[in-house]
Amino acid sequence: MSRGPGLAGIRCVRVGSTNPPKLEGVRAALAAYAPDVVVEPVAVSSGVPDQPVGFAEIVAGARRRAEEAARGGACDLAVGYEDGLVEIPGAEGSWFNVGCAAVSDGRRLSLGLSSGFAYPPGCALPAAERREPIGELFDALFRAERGACQGPASALSVGNVGKLTGAVLTRAEYTRHAVLCALPPFLHPHLYGARGASP
């Protein structure tokens, strides 16, 4: 993996996912610094439940995806991204979706978080309590509410956040924000010390 500071020399990035919106988000985040970057999808296991709950599981899933992606072959950076539910008591719809991006160059591992949005209780409660993947629950609830026909899964298109915001904020853009928030230690290594969190 690359050992130099900054991102201008980045050419190959392996991502621990084959999900198109996630890959698009990673590509868009890194292309701002390395326009010729090539993003390679890698099918990996997150090592956490299909429906992560709490920051510990969300972060563990992102880290594991980055680590597994890096093991698959030579690259300059490895990226993992994981979404999950976080409870924020007293908020309108107390279960929020938060995403975490883990970015590693083999020496430094940095984390970044997405913004958060509240899920409707009709899908959030069963997902949190029974660990049912929220994607299918959300799609079923959204279709029932809107009277819509079966379409592509939200996770493979605009995402749940895209459906809830009328496609103003898509899953790819949501992922891009988390990846960008993980990049400052690579852009300014002198401010963050020699190493980030151990890979």
C-alpha atoms as a PDB file:
ATOM      1  CA  MET A   1       0.000   0.000   0.000  1.00  0.00           C
ATOM      2  CA  SER A   2       1.004   3.613  -0.462  1.00  0.00           C
ATOM      3  CA  ARG A   3       3.130   5.074   2.331  1.00  0.00           C
ATOM      4  CA  GLY A   4       3.285   8.716   1.224  1.00  0.00           C
ATOM      5  CA  PRO A   5       1.192  11.566   2.656  1.00  0.00           C
ATOM      6  CA  GLY A   6      -1.643  13.084   0.709  1.00  0.00           C
ATOM      7  CA  LEU A   7      -3.855  11.494  -1.897  1.00  0.00           C
ATOM      8  CA  ALA A   8      -2.631  12.839  -5.236  1.00  0.00           C
ATOM      9  CA  GLY A   9      -0.764   9.624  -6.034  1.00  0.00           C
ATOM     10  CA  ILE A  10      -3.672   7.318  -5.264  1.00  0.00           C
ATOM     11  CA  ARG A  11      -4.473   5.067  -8.200  1.00  0.00           C
ATOM     12  CA  CYS A  12      -6.106   1.892  -6.881  1.00  0.00           C
ATOM     13  CA  VAL A  13      -8.677   1.702  -4.102  1.00  0.00           C
ATOM     14  CA  ARG A  14     -10.255  -1.548  -2.989  1.00  0.00           C
ATOM     15  CA  VAL A  15     -13.688  -1.306  -1.376  1.00  0.00           C
ATOM     16  CA  GLY A  16     -15.147  -3.990   0.863  1.00  0.00           C
ATOM     17  CA  SER A  17     -18.487  -4.036  -0.931  1.00  0.00           C
ATOM     18  CA  THR A  18     -20.074  -4.748  -4.296  1.00  0.00           C
ATOM     19  CA  ASN A  19     -22.996  -2.360  -3.668  1.00  0.00           C
ATOM     20  CA  PRO A  20     -23.131   0.140  -6.581  1.00  0.00           C
ATOM     21  CA  PRO A  21     -24.156   3.251  -4.578  1.00  0.00           C
ATOM     22  CA  LYS A  22     -21.413   2.615  -2.015  1.00  0.00           C
ATOM     23  CA  LEU A  23     -18.836   2.220  -4.782  1.00  0.00           C
ATOM     24  CA  GLU A  24     -20.084   5.381  -6.469  1.00  0.00           C
ATOM     25  CA  GLY A  25     -19.806   7.290  -3.182  1.00  0.00           C
ATOM     26  CA  VAL A  26     -16.220   6.130  -2.576  1.00  0.00           C
ATOM     27  CA  ARG A  27     -15.244   6.948  -6.165  1.00  0.00           C
ATOM     28  CA  ALA A  28     -16.766  10.433  -5.970  1.00  0.00           C
ATOM     29  CA  ALA A  29     -15.054  11.221  -2.658  1.00  0.00           C
ATOM     30  CA  LEU A  30     -11.586  10.175  -3.814  1.00  0.00           C
ATOM     31  CA  ALA A  31     -11.856  11.528  -7.368  1.00  0.00           C
ATOM     32  CA  ALA A  32     -11.790  15.054  -5.927  1.00  0.00           C
ATOM     33  CA  TYR A  33      -8.167  14.396  -4.890  1.00  0.00           C
ATOM     34  CA  ALA A  34      -7.101  11.696  -7.345  1.00  0.00           C
ATOM     35  CA  PRO A  35      -9.070  12.064 -10.610  1.00  0.00           C
ATOM     36  CA  ASP A  36      -7.682   8.849 -12.132  1.00  0.00           C
ATOM     37  CA  VAL A  37      -8.556   6.641  -9.175  1.00  0.00           C
ATOM     38  CA  VAL A  38      -9.781   3.130  -9.969  1.00  0.00           C
ATOM     39  CA  VAL A  39     -12.225   1.633  -7.481  1.00  0.00           C
ATOM     40  CA  GLU A  40     -12.260  -2.164  -7.202  1.00  0.00           C
ATOM     41  CA  PRO A  41     -15.196  -3.868  -5.455  1.00  0.00           C
ATOM     42  CA  VAL A  42     -14.410  -6.789  -3.164  1.00  0.00           C
ATOM     43  CA  ALA A  43     -17.108  -9.077  -1.753  1.00  0.00           C
ATOM     44  CA  VAL A  44     -16.345  -9.427   1.968  1.00  0.00           C
ATOM     45  CA  SER A  45     -18.078 -10.233   5.225  1.00  0.00           C
ATOM     46  CA  SER A  46     -18.643  -7.377   7.661  1.00  0.00           C
ATOM     47  CA  GLY A  47     -18.248  -9.622  10.697  1.00  0.00           C
ATOM     48  CA  VAL A  48     -21.253  -7.945  12.352  1.00  0.00           C
ATOM     49  CA  PRO A  49     -24.995  -8.752  12.284  1.00  0.00           C
ATOM     50  CA  ASP A  50     -26.874  -8.060   9.045  1.00  0.00           C
ATOM     51  CA  GLN A  51     -28.539  -5.220  10.925  1.00  0.00           C
ATOM     52  CA  PRO A  52     -25.893  -3.471  13.018  1.00  0.00           C
ATOM     53  CA  VAL A  53     -27.154  -1.611  16.066  1.00  0.00           C
ATOM     54  CA  GLY A  54     -25.033   0.916  17.964  1.00  0.00           C
ATOM     55  CA  PHE A  55     -21.796   2.671  17.101  1.00  0.00           C
ATOM     56  CA  ALA A  56     -19.608  -0.249  18.202  1.00  0.00           C
ATOM     57  CA  GLU A  57     -21.105  -2.627  15.619  1.00  0.00           C
ATOM     58  CA  ILE A  58     -21.248   0.015  12.882  1.00  0.00           C
ATOM     59  CA  VAL A  59     -17.575   0.919  13.311  1.00  0.00           C
ATOM     60  CA  ALA A  60     -16.511  -2.727  13.648  1.00  0.00           C
ATOM     61  CA  GLY A  61     -18.274  -3.549  10.376  1.00  0.00           C
ATOM     62  CA  ALA A  62     -16.599  -0.682   8.523  1.00  0.00           C
ATOM     63  CA  ARG A  63     -13.151  -1.590   9.859  1.00  0.00           C
ATOM     64  CA  ARG A  64     -13.585  -5.258   9.008  1.00  0.00           C
ATOM     65  CA  ARG A  65     -14.674  -4.429   5.459  1.00  0.00           C
ATOM     66  CA  ALA A  66     -11.603  -2.237   4.942  1.00  0.00           C
ATOM     67  CA  GLU A  67      -9.265  -4.882   6.389  1.00  0.00           C
ATOM     68  CA  GLU A  68     -10.758  -7.654   4.271  1.00  0.00           C
ATOM     69  CA  ALA A  69     -10.641  -5.521   1.121  1.00  0.00           C
ATOM     70  CA  ALA A  70      -6.932  -4.817   1.701  1.00  0.00           C
ATOM     71  CA  ARG A  71      -6.144  -8.533   1.995  1.00  0.00           C
ATOM     72  CA  GLY A  72      -7.491  -9.197  -1.492  1.00  0.00           C
ATOM     73  CA  GLY A  73      -4.627  -7.614  -3.431  1.00  0.00           C
ATOM     74  CA  ALA A  74      -2.318  -4.663  -3.932  1.00  0.00           C
ATOM     75  CA  CYS A  75      -3.894  -1.223  -3.548  1.00  0.00           C
ATOM     76  CA  ASP A  76      -3.118   2.287  -2.350  1.00  0.00           C
ATOM     77  CA  LEU A  77      -6.139   2.499  -0.055  1.00  0.00           C
ATOM     78  CA  ALA A  78      -8.762   0.132   1.279  1.00  0.00           C
ATOM     79  CA  VAL A  79     -12.213   1.392   2.243  1.00  0.00           C
ATOM     80  CA  GLY A  80     -15.008  -0.151   4.268  1.00  0.00           C
ATOM     81  CA  TYR A  81     -18.452   1.337   4.818  1.00  0.00           C
ATOM     82  CA  GLU A  82     -21.190   0.164   7.178  1.00  0.00           C
ATOM     83  CA  ASP A  83     -24.610   1.597   8.077  1.00  0.00           C
ATOM     84  CA  GLY A  84     -26.516   0.882  11.230  1.00  0.00           C
ATOM     85  CA  LEU A  85     -29.062   2.084  13.738  1.00  0.00           C
ATOM     86  CA  VAL A  86     -28.294   4.332  16.686  1.00  0.00           C
ATOM     87  CA  GLU A  87     -30.895   5.199  19.303  1.00  0.00           C
ATOM     88  CA  ILE A  88     -31.261   8.865  20.178  1.00  0.00           C
ATOM     89  CA  PRO A  89     -33.857   9.082  22.957  1.00  0.00           C
ATOM     90  CA  GLY A  90     -36.262  11.997  22.861  1.00  0.00           C
ATOM     91  CA  ALA A  91     -35.898  12.574  19.117  1.00  0.00           C
ATOM     92  CA  GLU A  92     -38.735  12.357  16.602  1.00  0.00           C
ATOM     93  CA  GLY A  93     -38.327   8.745  15.538  1.00  0.00           C
ATOM     94  CA  SER A  94     -35.692   7.678  18.049  1.00  0.00           C
ATOM     95  CA  TRP A  95     -33.774   5.276  15.763  1.00  0.00           C
ATOM     96  CA  PHE A  96     -31.368   7.024  13.434  1.00  0.00           C
ATOM     97  CA  ASN A  97     -29.319   5.642  10.569  1.00  0.00           C
ATOM     98  CA  VAL A  98     -25.624   6.488  10.751  1.00  0.00           C
ATOM     99  CA  GLY A  99     -22.921   5.319   8.358  1.00  0.00           C
ATOM    100  CA  CYS A 100     -19.218   4.867   9.058  1.00  0.00           C
ATOM    101  CA  ALA A 101     -16.369   4.817   6.526  1.00  0.00           C
ATOM    102  CA  ALA A 102     -13.028   3.248   7.416  1.00  0.00           C
ATOM    103  CA  VAL A 103     -10.081   4.184   5.195  1.00  0.00           C
ATOM    104  CA  SER A 104      -6.681   2.490   5.497  1.00  0.00           C
ATOM    105  CA  ASP A 105      -3.350   2.739   3.724  1.00  0.00           C
ATOM    106  CA  GLY A 106      -1.885  -0.186   5.649  1.00  0.00           C
ATOM    107  CA  ARG A 107      -0.351   1.991   8.378  1.00  0.00           C
ATOM    108  CA  ARG A 108      -3.093   4.424   9.250  1.00  0.00           C
ATOM    109  CA  LEU A 109      -6.788   3.665   9.618  1.00  0.00           C
ATOM    110  CA  SER A 110      -9.118   6.635   9.808  1.00  0.00           C
ATOM    111  CA  LEU A 111     -12.861   6.761  10.436  1.00  0.00           C
ATOM    112  CA  GLY A 112     -15.522   9.156   9.189  1.00  0.00           C
ATOM    113  CA  LEU A 113     -19.241   9.326   9.912  1.00  0.00           C
ATOM    114  CA  SER A 114     -22.175  10.251   7.730  1.00  0.00           C
ATOM    115  CA  SER A 115     -24.971  12.543   8.720  1.00  0.00           C
ATOM    116  CA  GLY A 116     -27.900  10.817  10.431  1.00  0.00           C
ATOM    117  CA  PHE A 117     -31.584  10.529   9.638  1.00  0.00           C
ATOM    118  CA  ALA A 118     -34.534   9.129  11.560  1.00  0.00           C
ATOM    119  CA  TYR A 119     -36.279   6.029  10.271  1.00  0.00           C
ATOM    120  CA  PRO A 120     -40.058   5.667  10.512  1.00  0.00           C
ATOM    121  CA  PRO A 121     -40.894   3.618  13.638  1.00  0.00           C
ATOM    122  CA  GLY A 122     -42.781   1.061  11.539  1.00  0.00           C
ATOM    123  CA  CYS A 123     -39.512  -0.267  10.148  1.00  0.00           C
ATOM    124  CA  ALA A 124     -36.993   0.925  12.748  1.00  0.00           C
ATOM    125  CA  LEU A 125     -38.468  -0.891  15.745  1.00  0.00           C
ATOM    126  CA  PRO A 126     -38.486  -4.410  14.226  1.00  0.00           C
ATOM    127  CA  ALA A 127     -35.036  -3.813  12.760  1.00  0.00           C
ATOM    128  CA  ALA A 128     -33.604  -2.731  16.109  1.00  0.00           C
ATOM    129  CA  GLU A 129     -35.432  -5.247  18.283  1.00  0.00           C
ATOM    130  CA  ARG A 130     -35.315  -8.344  16.044  1.00  0.00           C
ATOM    131  CA  ARG A 131     -32.223  -7.446  13.998  1.00  0.00           C
ATOM    132  CA  GLU A 132     -34.143  -7.746  10.748  1.00  0.00           C
ATOM    133  CA  PRO A 133     -32.297  -5.921   7.927  1.00  0.00           C
ATOM    134  CA  ILE A 134     -33.956  -2.546   7.665  1.00  0.00           C
ATOM    135  CA  GLY A 135     -33.671  -2.295   3.877  1.00  0.00           C
ATOM    136  CA  GLU A 136     -36.421  -4.813   3.176  1.00  0.00           C
ATOM    137  CA  LEU A 137     -38.579  -3.530   6.028  1.00  0.00           C
ATOM    138  CA  PHE A 138     -38.271   0.025   4.784  1.00  0.00           C
ATOM    139  CA  ASP A 139     -39.022  -0.870   1.168  1.00  0.00           C
ATOM    140  CA  ALA A 140     -42.161  -2.781   2.199  1.00  0.00           C
ATOM    141  CA  LEU A 141     -43.350   0.084   4.411  1.00  0.00           C
ATOM    142  CA  PHE A 142     -42.632   2.700   1.754  1.00  0.00           C
ATOM    143  CA  ARG A 143     -44.418   0.741  -0.962  1.00  0.00           C
ATOM    144  CA  ALA A 144     -47.453   0.198   1.298  1.00  0.00           C
ATOM    145  CA  GLU A 145     -47.603   3.883   2.230  1.00  0.00           C
ATOM    146  CA  ARG A 146     -47.194   5.140  -1.327  1.00  0.00           C
ATOM    147  CA  GLY A 147     -49.107   2.364  -3.045  1.00  0.00           C
ATOM    148  CA  ALA A 148     -46.082   1.866  -5.250  1.00  0.00           C
ATOM    149  CA  CYS A 149     -45.320  -1.241  -7.264  1.00  0.00           C
ATOM    150  CA  GLN A 150     -42.310  -3.423  -6.670  1.00  0.00           C
ATOM    151  CA  GLY A 151     -39.159  -1.673  -7.872  1.00  0.00           C
ATOM    152  CA  PRO A 152     -35.429  -1.960  -7.346  1.00  0.00           C
ATOM    153  CA  ALA A 153     -34.302  -2.357  -3.747  1.00  0.00           C
ATOM    154  CA  SER A 154     -33.538   1.008  -2.176  1.00  0.00           C
ATOM    155  CA  ALA A 155     -30.105  -0.226  -1.103  1.00  0.00           C
ATOM    156  CA  LEU A 156     -29.140  -0.725  -4.752  1.00  0.00           C
ATOM    157  CA  SER A 157     -30.525   2.583  -6.002  1.00  0.00           C
ATOM    158  CA  VAL A 158     -31.091   5.923  -4.257  1.00  0.00           C
ATOM    159  CA  GLY A 159     -31.113   4.303  -0.826  1.00  0.00           C
ATOM    160  CA  ASN A 160     -33.576   4.695   2.007  1.00  0.00           C
ATOM    161  CA  VAL A 161     -32.301   8.217   2.597  1.00  0.00           C
ATOM    162  CA  GLY A 162     -32.922   8.915  -1.079  1.00  0.00           C
ATOM    163  CA  LYS A 163     -36.512   7.729  -0.857  1.00  0.00           C
ATOM    164  CA  LEU A 164     -37.113   9.789   2.294  1.00  0.00           C
ATOM    165  CA  THR A 165     -35.584  12.988   0.838  1.00  0.00           C
ATOM    166  CA  GLY A 166     -37.122  12.692  -2.619  1.00  0.00           C
ATOM    167  CA  ALA A 167     -33.704  11.747  -4.071  1.00  0.00           C
ATOM    168  CA  VAL A 168     -32.165  15.064  -2.983  1.00  0.00           C
ATOM    169  CA  LEU A 169     -29.694  13.143  -0.794  1.00  0.00           C
ATOM    170  CA  THR A 170     -28.918   9.746  -2.314  1.00  0.00           C
ATOM    171  CA  ARG A 171     -27.159   6.778  -0.779  1.00  0.00           C
ATOM    172  CA  ALA A 172     -24.096   7.410  -2.942  1.00  0.00           C
ATOM    173  CA  GLU A 173     -23.882  11.008  -1.728  1.00  0.00           C
ATOM    174  CA  TYR A 174     -24.486   9.903   1.853  1.00  0.00           C
ATOM    175  CA  THR A 175     -21.584   7.451   1.544  1.00  0.00           C
ATOM    176  CA  ARG A 176     -19.403  10.122  -0.071  1.00  0.00           C
ATOM    177  CA  HIS A 177     -19.807  12.371   2.972  1.00  0.00           C
ATOM    178  CA  ALA A 178     -18.621   9.641   5.355  1.00  0.00           C
ATOM    179  CA  VAL A 179     -15.574   8.858   3.192  1.00  0.00           C
ATOM    180  CA  LEU A 180     -14.673  12.548   2.954  1.00  0.00           C
ATOM    181  CA  CYS A 181     -14.899  12.807   6.741  1.00  0.00           C
ATOM    182  CA  ALA A 182     -12.364   9.967   7.049  1.00  0.00           C
ATOM    183  CA  LEU A 183      -9.768  11.640   4.803  1.00  0.00           C
ATOM    184  CA  PRO A 184      -8.321  14.552   6.868  1.00  0.00           C
ATOM    185  CA  PRO A 185      -5.610  12.403   8.545  1.00  0.00           C
ATOM    186  CA  PHE A 186      -4.383  11.447   5.059  1.00  0.00           C
ATOM    187  CA  LEU A 187      -4.573  15.011   3.777  1.00  0.00           C
ATOM    188  CA  HIS A 188      -2.894  16.540   6.850  1.00  0.00           C
ATOM    189  CA  PRO A 189      -0.794  13.790   8.458  1.00  0.00           C
ATOM    190  CA  HIS A 190       1.355  16.336  10.316  1.00  0.00           C
ATOM    191  CA  LEU A 191      -1.719  17.408  12.286  1.00  0.00           C
ATOM    192  CA  TYR A 192      -2.721  13.871  13.233  1.00  0.00           C
ATOM    193  CA  GLY A 193       0.597  12.306  14.151  1.00  0.00           C
ATOM    194  CA  ALA A 194       2.447   9.440  12.546  1.00  0.00           C
ATOM    195  CA  ARG A 195      -0.381   6.936  12.821  1.00  0.00           C
ATOM    196  CA  GLY A 196      -4.108   6.850  13.058  1.00  0.00           C
ATOM    197  CA  ALA A 197      -6.031   4.033  14.704  1.00  0.00           C
ATOM    198  CA  SER A 198      -4.223   0.742  14.258  1.00  0.00           C
ATOM    199  CA  PRO A 199      -5.483  -1.104  11.159  1.00  0.00           C
END
